[in-house]
N, C-alpha and C. Protein backbone atom coordinates (compact mmCIF):
# COMPACT_ATOMS: atom_id res chain seq x y z
N UNK A 1 6.23 7.70 -14.12
CA UNK A 1 6.30 6.75 -13.11
C UNK A 1 5.21 6.85 -12.13
N UNK A 2 4.81 8.10 -11.87
CA UNK A 2 3.68 8.35 -10.87
C UNK A 2 2.39 7.85 -11.34
N UNK A 3 2.11 7.87 -12.57
CA UNK A 3 0.95 7.26 -13.12
C UNK A 3 0.81 5.80 -13.09
N UNK A 4 2.12 5.17 -13.25
CA UNK A 4 2.27 3.74 -13.16
C UNK A 4 1.86 3.29 -11.81
N UNK A 5 2.43 4.06 -10.82
CA UNK A 5 2.09 3.62 -9.30
C UNK A 5 0.70 3.70 -9.10
N UNK A 6 -0.02 4.85 -9.52
CA UNK A 6 -1.48 4.85 -9.30
C UNK A 6 -2.18 3.69 -9.90
N UNK A 7 -1.85 3.39 -11.22
CA UNK A 7 -2.48 2.28 -11.94
C UNK A 7 -2.24 1.00 -11.28
N UNK A 8 -1.15 0.76 -10.77
CA UNK A 8 -0.84 -0.49 -10.06
C UNK A 8 -1.55 -0.55 -8.69
N UNK A 9 -1.67 0.61 -8.07
CA UNK A 9 -2.37 0.66 -6.83
C UNK A 9 -3.76 0.28 -7.00
N UNK A 10 -4.39 0.88 -8.07
CA UNK A 10 -5.74 0.73 -8.32
C UNK A 10 -6.03 -0.78 -8.80
N UNK A 11 -5.19 -1.41 -9.50
CA UNK A 11 -5.26 -2.72 -9.87
C UNK A 11 -5.24 -3.70 -8.71
N UNK A 12 -4.14 -3.52 -8.00
CA UNK A 12 -3.98 -4.45 -6.70
C UNK A 12 -5.08 -4.22 -5.73
N UNK A 13 -5.42 -3.03 -5.50
CA UNK A 13 -6.42 -2.73 -4.50
C UNK A 13 -7.78 -3.21 -4.94
N UNK A 14 -8.05 -3.24 -6.21
CA UNK A 14 -9.36 -3.83 -6.72
C UNK A 14 -9.33 -5.26 -6.59
N UNK A 15 -8.12 -5.90 -6.94
CA UNK A 15 -8.11 -7.33 -6.74
C UNK A 15 -8.31 -7.79 -5.34
N UNK A 16 -7.69 -7.05 -4.37
CA UNK A 16 -7.79 -7.33 -2.90
C UNK A 16 -9.28 -7.08 -2.50
N UNK A 17 -9.80 -6.06 -2.92
CA UNK A 17 -11.20 -5.63 -2.46
C UNK A 17 -12.17 -6.70 -3.05
N UNK A 18 -11.92 -7.22 -4.29
CA UNK A 18 -12.86 -8.25 -4.78
C UNK A 18 -12.82 -9.61 -4.27
N UNK A 19 -11.65 -9.94 -3.80
CA UNK A 19 -11.38 -11.30 -3.39
C UNK A 19 -11.14 -11.56 -1.87
N UNK A 20 -11.22 -10.56 -1.10
CA UNK A 20 -10.94 -10.69 0.29
C UNK A 20 -12.03 -9.91 1.16
N UNK A 21 -12.28 -10.51 2.27
CA UNK A 21 -13.34 -9.82 3.13
C UNK A 21 -12.93 -8.38 3.53
N UNK A 22 -13.77 -7.69 4.14
CA UNK A 22 -13.61 -6.36 4.47
C UNK A 22 -12.49 -6.25 5.53
N UNK A 23 -12.41 -7.14 6.45
CA UNK A 23 -11.27 -7.19 7.41
C UNK A 23 -9.98 -7.48 6.78
N UNK A 24 -9.89 -8.23 5.69
CA UNK A 24 -8.72 -8.34 5.03
C UNK A 24 -8.23 -7.09 4.23
N UNK A 25 -9.21 -6.35 3.77
CA UNK A 25 -8.88 -5.15 3.09
C UNK A 25 -8.38 -4.15 4.04
N UNK A 26 -8.88 -4.08 5.27
CA UNK A 26 -8.35 -3.08 6.34
C UNK A 26 -6.98 -3.58 6.76
N UNK A 27 -6.78 -4.94 6.89
CA UNK A 27 -5.40 -5.46 7.24
C UNK A 27 -4.29 -5.09 6.17
N UNK A 28 -4.76 -5.16 4.91
CA UNK A 28 -3.94 -4.92 3.72
C UNK A 28 -3.45 -3.43 3.81
N UNK A 29 -4.52 -2.50 4.03
CA UNK A 29 -4.20 -1.09 4.22
C UNK A 29 -3.35 -0.83 5.38
N UNK A 30 -3.36 -1.42 6.43
CA UNK A 30 -2.51 -1.26 7.61
C UNK A 30 -1.08 -1.77 7.34
N UNK A 31 -0.99 -2.87 6.76
CA UNK A 31 0.47 -3.27 6.35
C UNK A 31 1.02 -2.28 5.37
N UNK A 32 0.22 -1.84 4.35
CA UNK A 32 0.87 -0.77 3.63
C UNK A 32 1.30 0.48 4.27
N UNK A 33 0.45 0.88 5.13
CA UNK A 33 0.79 2.13 5.98
C UNK A 33 2.09 1.90 6.81
N UNK A 34 2.09 0.69 7.30
CA UNK A 34 3.38 0.44 8.19
C UNK A 34 4.59 0.43 7.30
N UNK A 35 4.56 -0.25 6.09
CA UNK A 35 5.64 -0.33 5.21
C UNK A 35 5.97 1.19 4.74
N UNK A 36 5.03 1.83 4.44
CA UNK A 36 5.37 3.30 4.08
C UNK A 36 6.00 4.06 5.11
N UNK A 37 5.55 3.91 6.39
CA UNK A 37 6.04 4.66 7.47
C UNK A 37 7.65 4.21 7.61
N UNK A 38 7.89 2.96 7.53
CA UNK A 38 9.27 2.48 7.66
C UNK A 38 10.02 2.95 6.48
N UNK A 39 9.63 3.15 5.33
CA UNK A 39 10.41 3.56 4.19
C UNK A 39 10.56 5.06 4.44
N UNK A 40 9.71 5.91 4.80
CA UNK A 40 9.90 7.31 5.10
C UNK A 40 10.87 7.41 6.18
N UNK A 41 10.85 6.75 7.20
CA UNK A 41 11.86 6.84 8.29
C UNK A 41 13.26 6.56 7.85
N UNK A 42 13.32 5.52 7.01
CA UNK A 42 14.68 5.12 6.54
C UNK A 42 15.30 6.18 5.66
N UNK A 43 14.38 6.81 4.79
CA UNK A 43 14.87 7.83 3.99
C UNK A 43 15.32 9.08 4.80
N UNK A 44 14.58 9.40 5.78
CA UNK A 44 14.91 10.51 6.62
C UNK A 44 16.18 10.31 7.38
N UNK A 45 16.48 9.09 7.80
CA UNK A 45 17.64 8.83 8.48
C UNK A 45 18.94 8.93 7.53
N UNK A 46 18.81 8.48 6.29
CA UNK A 46 19.80 8.47 5.50
C UNK A 46 20.12 9.99 4.90
N UNK A 47 19.13 10.80 4.87
CA UNK A 47 19.23 12.11 4.23
C UNK A 47 19.65 13.21 5.02
């Protein structure tokens, strides 16, 4: 499962990097960071 996540991240990251301006790539990374933070916070609350 871990390798699948890496492969999908590389695929979608490459697509975004090829088709969007630099600012768009940075915004995409920021959105992913926020979503990850929310997911971690939610898991910590329930655990």
